[in-house]
Amino acid sequence: MAVESEPAARPVTALHASGASRGLRAGYASGALVTGAFSTLPGLLLLPYLTDTLGVGAALAGTVILVPKVWNAFLGPLVGHAGDRRPRRRAHLLGGGVGVAAAFALMFSAPGPASAGAWWAAVGFFLAATAYAFFQVPYSALPAEVTDRLADRVALVAGRVAVIAVSALLIGAAGPALVDAGGGGVPGHRMVGLFGAVCVLVGTAGVLIGIERAPRGATRPTGPGLRRQLALARRVPGFPALLVGIVVQSVATGGLTAGAPYFSEHILGDKAATGLLVAAFVAPNLLTVRAWTRLGARVGHRAGYRWACAVFAAGCLLLLAAPALPLPLVLAVMALAGAGHAGQLLFLYAMLQDCIAGEELRGAGVSSGLFTTCETLGLAVGPFLYGLILALFGYVSSGTGHAVTQSATAHMGILVGIGLTPAAAALVAAAVLGRGVRGRG
């Protein structure tokens, strides 16, 4: 399959001529600690915290997660436009990171169970989602801002994917353990909130230090107004398909992550297996990114993404057989899904940089904001949909800090939510992006 050449060069500014330095690559990658923490911590623990600690019904718990992320989705393009019109990227990164950290500490420190605790968690998550928009939008736009070289953009994206894996491993394994170490319930979750806040602050500091090597003038010229930029973005070949694809793909990821604690406790019969499942899912990010990068260089980002979706869907569907499989084989199946997910992330982020690098998208912050909007919206819909599936299949909530014994029907819902639904979403995303995205392949 023919591979398109790199986009035509833009006027040389900052690091465009020499590519991304090692310091910039390391600094940019460290910012993925924030991405990983925001995706993993609420995605993994917030839904069961609401249903099994605060006693909130599964459907309402899913709504508590959905609403703040929908707000974040609408906020993204506005944040991106503000960053394009004024040199505020560093201020947004700093304020957003600190805000996410503070909101994490608040989110898991409910003063009481049921409605009071649900409102507390909802407000904390709303603040976290707001702050995250100010961090994630400029962060996603950086690769295309600091280099014109395709290889450098892919290298920056690959480092981001690898550190997302590290943060997911760290938080996914340590989160449930900290809940138990803190005595479970609200006290244990307070420890998790503080731990997540520290991870976010470390990632924020790392990316700010890293981009100090990029001169402050390394941004695109100010584009037209927000409405005009949105109209231009819609006309970029493949960009609307990319936005739809990231929504559907994030629904798959969000649903699988939200289902891991329920899958561990009720299907595997071992609540402590949650950390192992998360580790099995994200470890392939570290091990397979280079292989996916080589595949993308040969066949293009779009074709590579289709291959990644096929691997991810196969792993998810095999999870349906988990009740009959030993734990090591279940972990191997989860690792297969994780290997596909690593490729999905790499190619989606690479296709975004291809689009931003085009002359059609003069406001990189707006295009990045739209992408972040769609990604966040999908990550919100995933747990919400999982909560609806649990409610539909009769999952019983608990306010004791411990899940109650569930029916066989509820067990079926847990499997549908973590296996069948993510697989179907990934295949839909692959079909949508099959229409073509600007750039390689």
Protein backbone atom coordinates (compact mmCIF):
# COMPACT_ATOMS: atom_id res chain seq x y z
CA MET A 1 0.00 0.00 0.00
CA ALA A 2 1.36 3.38 -0.92
CA VAL A 3 2.33 5.68 1.89
CA GLU A 4 1.82 9.41 1.55
CA SER A 5 4.68 11.77 2.01
CA GLU A 6 5.00 14.15 4.93
CA PRO A 7 2.90 17.29 4.87
CA ALA A 8 4.43 20.26 3.13
CA ALA A 9 6.78 22.21 5.36
CA ARG A 10 5.50 25.27 7.19
CA PRO A 11 7.62 28.29 8.06
CA VAL A 12 10.47 27.22 10.34
CA THR A 13 10.03 28.26 13.97
CA ALA A 14 11.55 27.04 17.19
CA LEU A 15 12.36 23.34 17.02
CA HIS A 16 10.81 22.79 13.61
CA ALA A 17 14.16 22.63 11.82
CA SER A 18 16.01 20.27 14.14
CA GLY A 19 13.23 18.09 15.47
CA ALA A 20 12.37 17.22 19.06
CA SER A 21 15.23 17.02 21.54
CA ARG A 22 15.55 14.22 24.10
CA GLY A 23 14.60 16.60 26.87
CA LEU A 24 11.46 17.63 25.05
CA ARG A 25 10.52 14.02 24.31
CA ALA A 26 10.98 13.02 27.95
CA GLY A 27 9.10 16.04 29.21
CA TYR A 28 6.23 15.58 26.82
CA ALA A 29 5.95 11.90 27.70
CA SER A 30 5.81 12.66 31.44
CA GLY A 31 2.66 14.72 30.87
CA ALA A 32 0.91 11.45 30.08
CA LEU A 33 0.93 10.78 33.83
CA VAL A 34 -1.90 13.31 34.00
CA THR A 35 -3.71 11.66 31.10
CA GLY A 36 -3.26 8.22 32.59
CA ALA A 37 -4.37 9.29 36.06
CA PHE A 38 -7.50 11.04 34.82
CA SER A 39 -8.45 8.10 32.60
CA THR A 40 -7.53 5.28 34.97
CA LEU A 41 -8.43 6.46 38.46
CA PRO A 42 -12.02 7.61 37.90
CA GLY A 43 -12.51 5.05 35.12
CA LEU A 44 -11.43 2.16 37.33
CA LEU A 45 -12.62 3.13 40.79
CA LEU A 46 -15.29 5.84 40.64
CA LEU A 47 -18.18 3.67 39.43
CA PRO A 48 -17.67 0.88 42.03
CA TYR A 49 -16.99 3.58 44.67
CA LEU A 50 -20.45 4.97 43.95
CA THR A 51 -22.28 1.63 43.72
CA ASP A 52 -20.53 -0.44 46.39
CA THR A 53 -19.38 2.19 48.93
CA LEU A 54 -21.92 5.00 48.68
CA GLY A 55 -24.88 2.78 47.76
CA VAL A 56 -25.79 4.70 44.59
CA GLY A 57 -27.82 2.83 41.96
CA ALA A 58 -25.81 1.72 38.93
CA ALA A 59 -27.69 3.91 36.43
CA LEU A 60 -27.41 7.02 38.64
CA ALA A 61 -23.74 6.27 39.28
CA GLY A 62 -23.13 6.17 35.54
CA THR A 63 -24.87 9.53 35.20
CA VAL A 64 -22.64 11.04 37.90
CA ILE A 65 -19.66 10.09 35.73
CA LEU A 66 -21.26 11.13 32.46
CA VAL A 67 -22.33 14.72 33.23
CA PRO A 68 -18.92 16.18 34.21
CA LYS A 69 -17.27 14.64 31.16
CA VAL A 70 -19.95 15.98 28.85
CA TRP A 71 -19.20 19.42 30.30
CA ASN A 72 -15.51 18.78 29.68
CA ALA A 73 -16.36 17.87 26.10
CA PHE A 74 -18.09 21.18 25.44
CA LEU A 75 -15.31 23.09 27.18
CA GLY A 76 -12.49 21.61 25.07
CA PRO A 77 -12.84 23.70 21.88
CA LEU A 78 -13.23 26.90 23.89
CA VAL A 79 -10.03 26.18 25.80
CA GLY A 80 -8.25 25.37 22.54
CA HIS A 81 -9.40 28.60 20.95
CA ALA A 82 -8.19 30.63 23.95
CA GLY A 83 -4.79 28.95 23.71
CA ASP A 84 -4.52 29.71 20.00
CA ARG A 85 -5.37 33.38 20.35
CA ARG A 86 -2.98 34.11 23.23
CA PRO A 87 0.30 32.54 24.41
CA ARG A 88 -1.34 30.78 27.33
CA ARG A 89 -0.37 27.17 26.76
CA ARG A 90 2.00 27.00 29.74
CA ALA A 91 -0.48 28.74 32.02
CA HIS A 92 -3.21 26.34 30.96
CA LEU A 93 -0.96 23.33 31.51
CA LEU A 94 0.02 24.50 34.99
CA GLY A 95 -3.44 25.59 36.12
CA GLY A 96 -5.09 22.52 34.66
CA GLY A 97 -2.67 20.08 36.27
CA VAL A 98 -2.89 21.66 39.70
CA GLY A 99 -6.67 21.83 39.42
CA VAL A 100 -6.98 18.14 38.54
CA ALA A 101 -4.80 17.22 41.51
CA ALA A 102 -6.90 19.25 43.96
CA ALA A 103 -10.15 17.86 42.54
CA PHE A 104 -8.90 14.28 42.86
CA ALA A 105 -8.35 14.79 46.57
CA LEU A 106 -11.90 16.18 46.88
CA MET A 107 -13.65 13.60 44.71
CA PHE A 108 -12.95 10.57 46.90
CA SER A 109 -13.52 12.20 50.30
CA ALA A 110 -17.32 12.04 50.55
CA PRO A 111 -18.71 13.18 53.96
CA GLY A 112 -21.48 10.58 53.91
CA PRO A 113 -23.13 7.74 51.95
CA ALA A 114 -25.93 7.75 49.38
CA SER A 115 -27.08 11.13 48.00
CA ALA A 116 -24.71 13.32 50.04
CA GLY A 117 -21.70 11.26 48.99
CA ALA A 118 -22.88 11.12 45.37
CA TRP A 119 -23.17 14.92 45.19
CA TRP A 120 -19.73 15.31 46.76
CA ALA A 121 -18.18 12.92 44.25
CA ALA A 122 -20.06 14.57 41.38
CA VAL A 123 -18.82 18.05 42.30
CA GLY A 124 -15.27 16.80 42.70
CA PHE A 125 -15.36 15.03 39.37
CA PHE A 126 -16.93 18.07 37.69
CA LEU A 127 -14.04 20.23 38.91
CA ALA A 128 -11.53 17.59 37.81
CA ALA A 129 -13.07 17.42 34.33
CA THR A 130 -13.01 21.22 34.03
CA ALA A 131 -9.36 21.46 35.04
CA TYR A 132 -8.43 18.53 32.82
CA ALA A 133 -9.67 20.37 29.72
CA PHE A 134 -7.18 23.17 30.41
CA PHE A 135 -4.33 20.66 30.65
CA GLN A 136 -5.20 18.13 27.97
CA VAL A 137 -6.06 20.44 25.07
CA PRO A 138 -2.69 22.25 24.86
CA TYR A 139 -0.90 19.02 25.76
CA SER A 140 -2.44 17.16 22.79
CA ALA A 141 -1.52 19.98 20.40
CA LEU A 142 2.17 20.13 21.33
CA PRO A 143 3.70 17.53 18.95
CA ALA A 144 2.54 19.31 15.81
CA GLU A 145 3.50 22.64 17.36
CA VAL A 146 7.17 21.88 17.98
CA THR A 147 8.22 19.86 14.94
CA ASP A 148 7.35 19.42 11.28
CA ARG A 149 9.11 16.06 11.01
CA LEU A 150 6.69 13.13 10.88
CA ALA A 151 9.16 10.83 12.63
CA ASP A 152 9.49 13.27 15.54
CA ARG A 153 5.73 13.62 15.91
CA VAL A 154 5.31 9.86 16.01
CA ALA A 155 8.19 9.59 18.52
CA LEU A 156 6.48 12.11 20.81
CA VAL A 157 3.18 10.27 20.51
CA ALA A 158 4.86 6.89 21.14
CA GLY A 159 6.45 8.24 24.32
CA ARG A 160 3.06 9.49 25.44
CA VAL A 161 1.47 6.07 24.87
CA ALA A 162 4.27 4.36 26.81
CA VAL A 163 3.91 6.65 29.83
CA ILE A 164 0.13 6.24 29.77
CA ALA A 165 0.91 2.57 30.24
CA VAL A 166 3.27 3.30 33.13
CA SER A 167 0.74 5.51 34.88
CA ALA A 168 -2.06 3.01 34.32
CA LEU A 169 0.14 0.23 35.70
CA LEU A 170 1.05 2.33 38.72
CA ILE A 171 -2.42 3.62 39.48
CA GLY A 172 -4.27 0.49 38.42
CA ALA A 173 -2.18 -1.70 40.69
CA ALA A 174 -1.75 0.72 43.59
CA GLY A 175 -5.30 2.13 43.60
CA PRO A 176 -7.20 -0.97 44.77
CA ALA A 177 -4.35 -1.86 47.13
CA LEU A 178 -4.50 1.59 48.74
CA VAL A 179 -8.26 1.25 49.21
CA ASP A 180 -7.68 -1.97 51.14
CA ALA A 181 -4.72 -0.54 53.06
CA GLY A 182 -6.85 2.42 54.15
CA GLY A 183 -9.52 0.15 55.56
CA GLY A 184 -11.83 0.21 52.56
CA GLY A 185 -14.87 2.44 52.19
CA VAL A 186 -14.46 6.21 52.16
CA PRO A 187 -11.22 6.27 54.24
CA GLY A 188 -9.50 3.95 51.78
CA HIS A 189 -10.68 5.96 48.81
CA ARG A 190 -9.39 9.17 50.39
CA MET A 191 -5.90 7.66 50.24
CA VAL A 192 -6.43 6.88 46.56
CA GLY A 193 -7.48 10.46 45.87
CA LEU A 194 -4.33 11.85 47.47
CA PHE A 195 -2.18 9.33 45.61
CA GLY A 196 -3.74 10.34 42.29
CA ALA A 197 -3.15 14.00 43.10
CA VAL A 198 0.56 13.37 43.62
CA CYS A 199 0.82 11.52 40.29
CA VAL A 200 -0.87 14.40 38.48
CA LEU A 201 1.44 17.00 40.04
CA VAL A 202 4.53 15.00 39.05
CA GLY A 203 3.31 14.72 35.46
CA THR A 204 2.45 18.41 35.26
CA ALA A 205 5.87 19.43 36.54
CA GLY A 206 7.57 17.09 34.09
CA VAL A 207 5.87 18.41 30.97
CA LEU A 208 6.40 22.04 32.00
CA ILE A 209 10.11 21.44 32.57
CA GLY A 210 10.37 19.55 29.28
CA ILE A 211 8.79 22.21 27.11
CA GLU A 212 11.04 24.91 28.56
CA ARG A 213 13.48 23.69 25.88
CA ALA A 214 10.97 24.84 23.27
CA PRO A 215 11.21 28.61 22.80
CA ARG A 216 8.08 30.49 23.75
CA GLY A 217 7.52 31.51 20.18
CA ALA A 218 7.03 27.93 19.04
CA THR A 219 3.33 28.23 18.30
CA ARG A 220 1.30 28.60 15.17
CA PRO A 221 0.17 31.95 13.87
CA THR A 222 -3.16 33.05 15.28
CA GLY A 223 -5.95 31.59 13.20
CA PRO A 224 -9.39 32.99 12.41
CA GLY A 225 -12.23 33.16 14.89
CA LEU A 226 -13.55 30.10 16.69
CA ARG A 227 -16.59 29.66 14.44
CA ARG A 228 -14.42 29.92 11.34
CA GLN A 229 -11.88 27.44 12.74
CA LEU A 230 -14.62 24.93 13.54
CA ALA A 231 -15.90 25.26 9.98
CA LEU A 232 -12.38 24.75 8.60
CA ALA A 233 -11.88 21.67 10.80
CA ARG A 234 -15.03 20.06 9.42
CA ARG A 235 -13.69 20.43 5.88
CA VAL A 236 -10.29 18.83 6.52
CA PRO A 237 -10.31 15.42 4.74
CA GLY A 238 -10.78 12.66 7.30
CA PHE A 239 -10.90 14.89 10.39
CA PRO A 240 -14.65 14.46 11.07
CA ALA A 241 -14.21 10.68 10.73
CA LEU A 242 -11.31 10.86 13.20
CA LEU A 243 -13.53 12.65 15.72
CA VAL A 244 -16.28 10.05 15.39
CA GLY A 245 -13.70 7.28 15.62
CA ILE A 246 -12.15 8.56 18.84
CA VAL A 247 -15.60 8.86 20.45
CA VAL A 248 -16.53 5.27 19.65
CA GLN A 249 -13.06 3.96 20.52
CA SER A 250 -13.12 5.74 23.88
CA VAL A 251 -16.53 4.22 24.64
CA ALA A 252 -14.86 0.82 24.27
CA THR A 253 -11.92 1.73 26.50
CA GLY A 254 -14.08 3.41 29.13
CA GLY A 255 -16.45 0.47 29.35
CA LEU A 256 -13.68 -2.09 29.66
CA THR A 257 -11.89 -0.10 32.36
CA ALA A 258 -15.08 0.52 34.34
CA GLY A 259 -15.93 -3.16 34.24
CA ALA A 260 -12.60 -4.46 35.55
CA PRO A 261 -13.45 -4.27 39.30
CA TYR A 262 -16.84 -5.94 38.80
CA PHE A 263 -15.30 -8.58 36.53
CA SER A 264 -12.60 -9.36 39.09
CA GLU A 265 -14.90 -9.68 42.08
CA HIS A 266 -17.92 -11.39 40.58
CA ILE A 267 -16.60 -13.36 37.58
CA LEU A 268 -13.10 -14.27 38.75
CA GLY A 269 -14.08 -14.39 42.42
CA ASP A 270 -11.00 -12.42 43.46
CA LYS A 271 -11.33 -8.70 44.13
CA ALA A 272 -7.54 -8.38 44.32
CA ALA A 273 -7.28 -9.50 40.70
CA THR A 274 -8.29 -6.01 39.53
CA GLY A 275 -4.69 -4.80 39.70
CA LEU A 276 -3.53 -7.84 37.74
CA LEU A 277 -6.14 -7.22 35.04
CA VAL A 278 -5.13 -3.59 34.69
CA ALA A 279 -1.45 -4.54 34.56
CA ALA A 280 -2.15 -7.16 31.88
CA PHE A 281 -4.11 -4.63 29.83
CA VAL A 282 -1.64 -1.75 29.92
CA ALA A 283 1.71 -3.58 29.99
CA PRO A 284 1.55 -4.25 26.23
CA ASN A 285 1.71 -0.47 25.70
CA LEU A 286 5.34 -0.68 26.77
CA LEU A 287 6.07 -3.84 24.83
CA THR A 288 4.25 -3.36 21.53
CA VAL A 289 4.43 0.35 20.69
CA ARG A 290 7.62 -0.08 18.67
CA ALA A 291 6.09 -2.94 16.70
CA TRP A 292 2.96 -0.88 15.97
CA THR A 293 5.15 2.04 14.94
CA ARG A 294 6.98 -0.14 12.43
CA LEU A 295 3.69 -1.47 11.10
CA GLY A 296 2.38 2.07 10.67
CA ALA A 297 5.50 3.03 8.73
CA ARG A 298 4.81 0.18 6.30
CA VAL A 299 1.04 0.27 5.85
CA GLY A 300 0.00 3.71 7.12
CA HIS A 301 -1.75 4.90 10.23
CA ARG A 302 -5.27 4.13 9.05
CA ALA A 303 -4.55 0.53 8.06
CA GLY A 304 -2.52 0.06 11.24
CA TYR A 305 -5.47 1.27 13.27
CA ARG A 306 -7.74 -1.33 11.66
CA TRP A 307 -5.29 -4.08 12.62
CA ALA A 308 -5.15 -2.75 16.18
CA CYS A 309 -8.95 -2.72 16.44
CA ALA A 310 -9.12 -6.32 15.27
CA VAL A 311 -6.65 -7.42 17.97
CA PHE A 312 -8.49 -5.42 20.64
CA ALA A 313 -11.89 -6.83 19.65
CA ALA A 314 -10.56 -10.40 19.63
CA GLY A 315 -9.27 -10.01 23.18
CA CYS A 316 -12.55 -8.51 24.40
CA LEU A 317 -14.65 -11.26 22.86
CA LEU A 318 -12.46 -13.94 24.40
CA LEU A 319 -13.23 -12.43 27.82
CA LEU A 320 -16.74 -13.84 27.45
CA ALA A 321 -15.22 -17.27 28.10
CA ALA A 322 -13.58 -16.11 31.35
CA PRO A 323 -15.85 -18.12 33.71
CA ALA A 324 -14.40 -21.31 32.21
CA LEU A 325 -10.76 -20.14 32.06
CA PRO A 326 -8.01 -20.20 34.69
CA LEU A 327 -6.71 -16.81 35.87
CA PRO A 328 -3.39 -16.95 33.92
CA LEU A 329 -5.29 -17.51 30.67
CA VAL A 330 -7.71 -14.67 31.48
CA LEU A 331 -4.73 -12.37 32.01
CA ALA A 332 -3.29 -13.49 28.67
CA VAL A 333 -6.59 -12.63 26.98
CA MET A 334 -6.60 -9.22 28.66
CA ALA A 335 -3.03 -8.68 27.45
CA LEU A 336 -4.18 -9.43 23.90
CA ALA A 337 -6.82 -6.71 24.21
CA GLY A 338 -4.18 -4.41 25.68
CA ALA A 339 -1.82 -5.01 22.77
CA GLY A 340 -4.55 -3.91 20.40
CA HIS A 341 -5.33 -0.90 22.57
CA ALA A 342 -1.70 0.23 22.41
CA GLY A 343 -1.90 0.34 18.63
CA GLN A 344 -5.24 2.12 18.73
CA LEU A 345 -3.83 4.91 20.88
CA LEU A 346 -0.68 5.27 18.81
CA PHE A 347 -2.48 5.52 15.48
CA LEU A 348 -5.28 7.78 16.72
CA TYR A 349 -2.81 10.27 18.21
CA ALA A 350 -0.63 10.05 15.09
CA MET A 351 -3.60 10.74 12.82
CA LEU A 352 -4.47 13.76 14.95
CA GLN A 353 -0.95 15.15 14.45
CA ASP A 354 -1.27 14.51 10.71
CA CYS A 355 -4.41 16.63 10.67
CA ILE A 356 -2.98 19.40 12.86
CA ALA A 357 0.12 19.54 10.68
CA GLY A 358 -2.00 20.35 7.61
CA GLU A 359 -2.28 23.94 6.53
CA GLU A 360 -6.06 23.68 6.74
CA LEU A 361 -5.95 23.62 10.56
CA ARG A 362 -4.39 26.98 11.36
CA GLY A 363 -5.57 26.84 14.97
CA ALA A 364 -3.96 23.75 16.46
CA GLY A 365 -5.60 24.35 19.83
CA VAL A 366 -9.09 24.20 18.36
CA SER A 367 -8.46 20.97 16.47
CA SER A 368 -6.81 19.47 19.56
CA GLY A 369 -9.72 20.71 21.64
CA LEU A 370 -12.21 19.00 19.35
CA PHE A 371 -10.25 15.76 19.55
CA THR A 372 -10.00 15.98 23.34
CA THR A 373 -13.72 16.78 23.49
CA CYS A 374 -14.58 13.63 21.58
CA GLU A 375 -12.12 11.46 23.50
CA THR A 376 -13.46 12.67 26.84
CA LEU A 377 -17.04 12.25 25.72
CA GLY A 378 -16.37 8.64 24.76
CA LEU A 379 -14.62 7.93 28.06
CA ALA A 380 -17.71 9.32 29.79
CA VAL A 381 -20.21 7.33 27.78
CA GLY A 382 -18.29 4.07 28.36
CA PRO A 383 -18.82 3.90 32.17
CA PHE A 384 -22.31 5.38 31.78
CA LEU A 385 -23.23 2.64 29.33
CA TYR A 386 -21.66 0.04 31.62
CA GLY A 387 -23.77 1.35 34.52
CA LEU A 388 -26.90 1.09 32.38
CA ILE A 389 -26.02 -2.48 31.44
CA LEU A 390 -25.53 -3.38 35.12
CA ALA A 391 -28.89 -1.84 35.98
CA LEU A 392 -30.59 -3.60 33.06
CA PHE A 393 -29.22 -6.96 34.18
CA GLY A 394 -30.27 -6.41 37.80
CA TYR A 395 -27.02 -5.49 39.57
CA VAL A 396 -27.68 -4.76 43.28
CA SER A 397 -25.80 -1.80 44.84
CA SER A 398 -24.46 -1.67 48.40
CA GLY A 399 -23.69 1.08 50.89
CA THR A 400 -21.45 -1.05 53.09
CA GLY A 401 -18.19 -0.76 51.17
CA HIS A 402 -18.52 -4.39 50.06
CA ALA A 403 -20.40 -5.70 47.03
CA VAL A 404 -23.28 -8.07 47.66
CA THR A 405 -23.67 -11.46 46.00
CA GLN A 406 -25.11 -10.99 42.51
CA SER A 407 -27.46 -13.12 40.44
CA ALA A 408 -26.47 -15.13 37.38
CA THR A 409 -28.22 -12.51 35.25
CA ALA A 410 -26.12 -9.75 36.78
CA HIS A 411 -23.00 -11.83 36.05
CA MET A 412 -24.10 -11.99 32.42
CA GLY A 413 -24.42 -8.19 32.36
CA ILE A 414 -20.89 -7.82 33.75
CA LEU A 415 -19.57 -9.98 30.91
CA VAL A 416 -21.60 -8.20 28.23
CA GLY A 417 -20.36 -4.82 29.45
CA ILE A 418 -16.67 -5.75 29.55
CA GLY A 419 -16.51 -8.06 26.54
CA LEU A 420 -19.19 -7.73 23.90
CA THR A 421 -19.83 -3.96 24.08
CA PRO A 422 -16.15 -2.83 23.84
CA ALA A 423 -15.52 -5.27 20.98
CA ALA A 424 -18.51 -3.96 19.03
CA ALA A 425 -17.48 -0.34 19.65
CA ALA A 426 -13.92 -0.98 18.43
CA LEU A 427 -15.17 -2.59 15.22
CA VAL A 428 -17.47 0.36 14.58
CA ALA A 429 -14.55 2.76 15.12
CA ALA A 430 -12.44 0.81 12.63
CA ALA A 431 -15.25 0.97 10.06
CA VAL A 432 -15.71 4.73 10.54
CA LEU A 433 -12.01 5.46 10.14
CA GLY A 434 -11.91 3.17 7.13
CA ARG A 435 -13.32 6.10 5.20
CA GLY A 436 -9.93 7.73 5.41
CA VAL A 437 -8.00 10.22 7.53
CA ARG A 438 -5.66 12.85 6.21
CA GLY A 439 -2.01 11.83 6.39
CA ARG A 440 -0.26 8.49 6.16
CA GLY A 441 -2.43 5.72 4.78
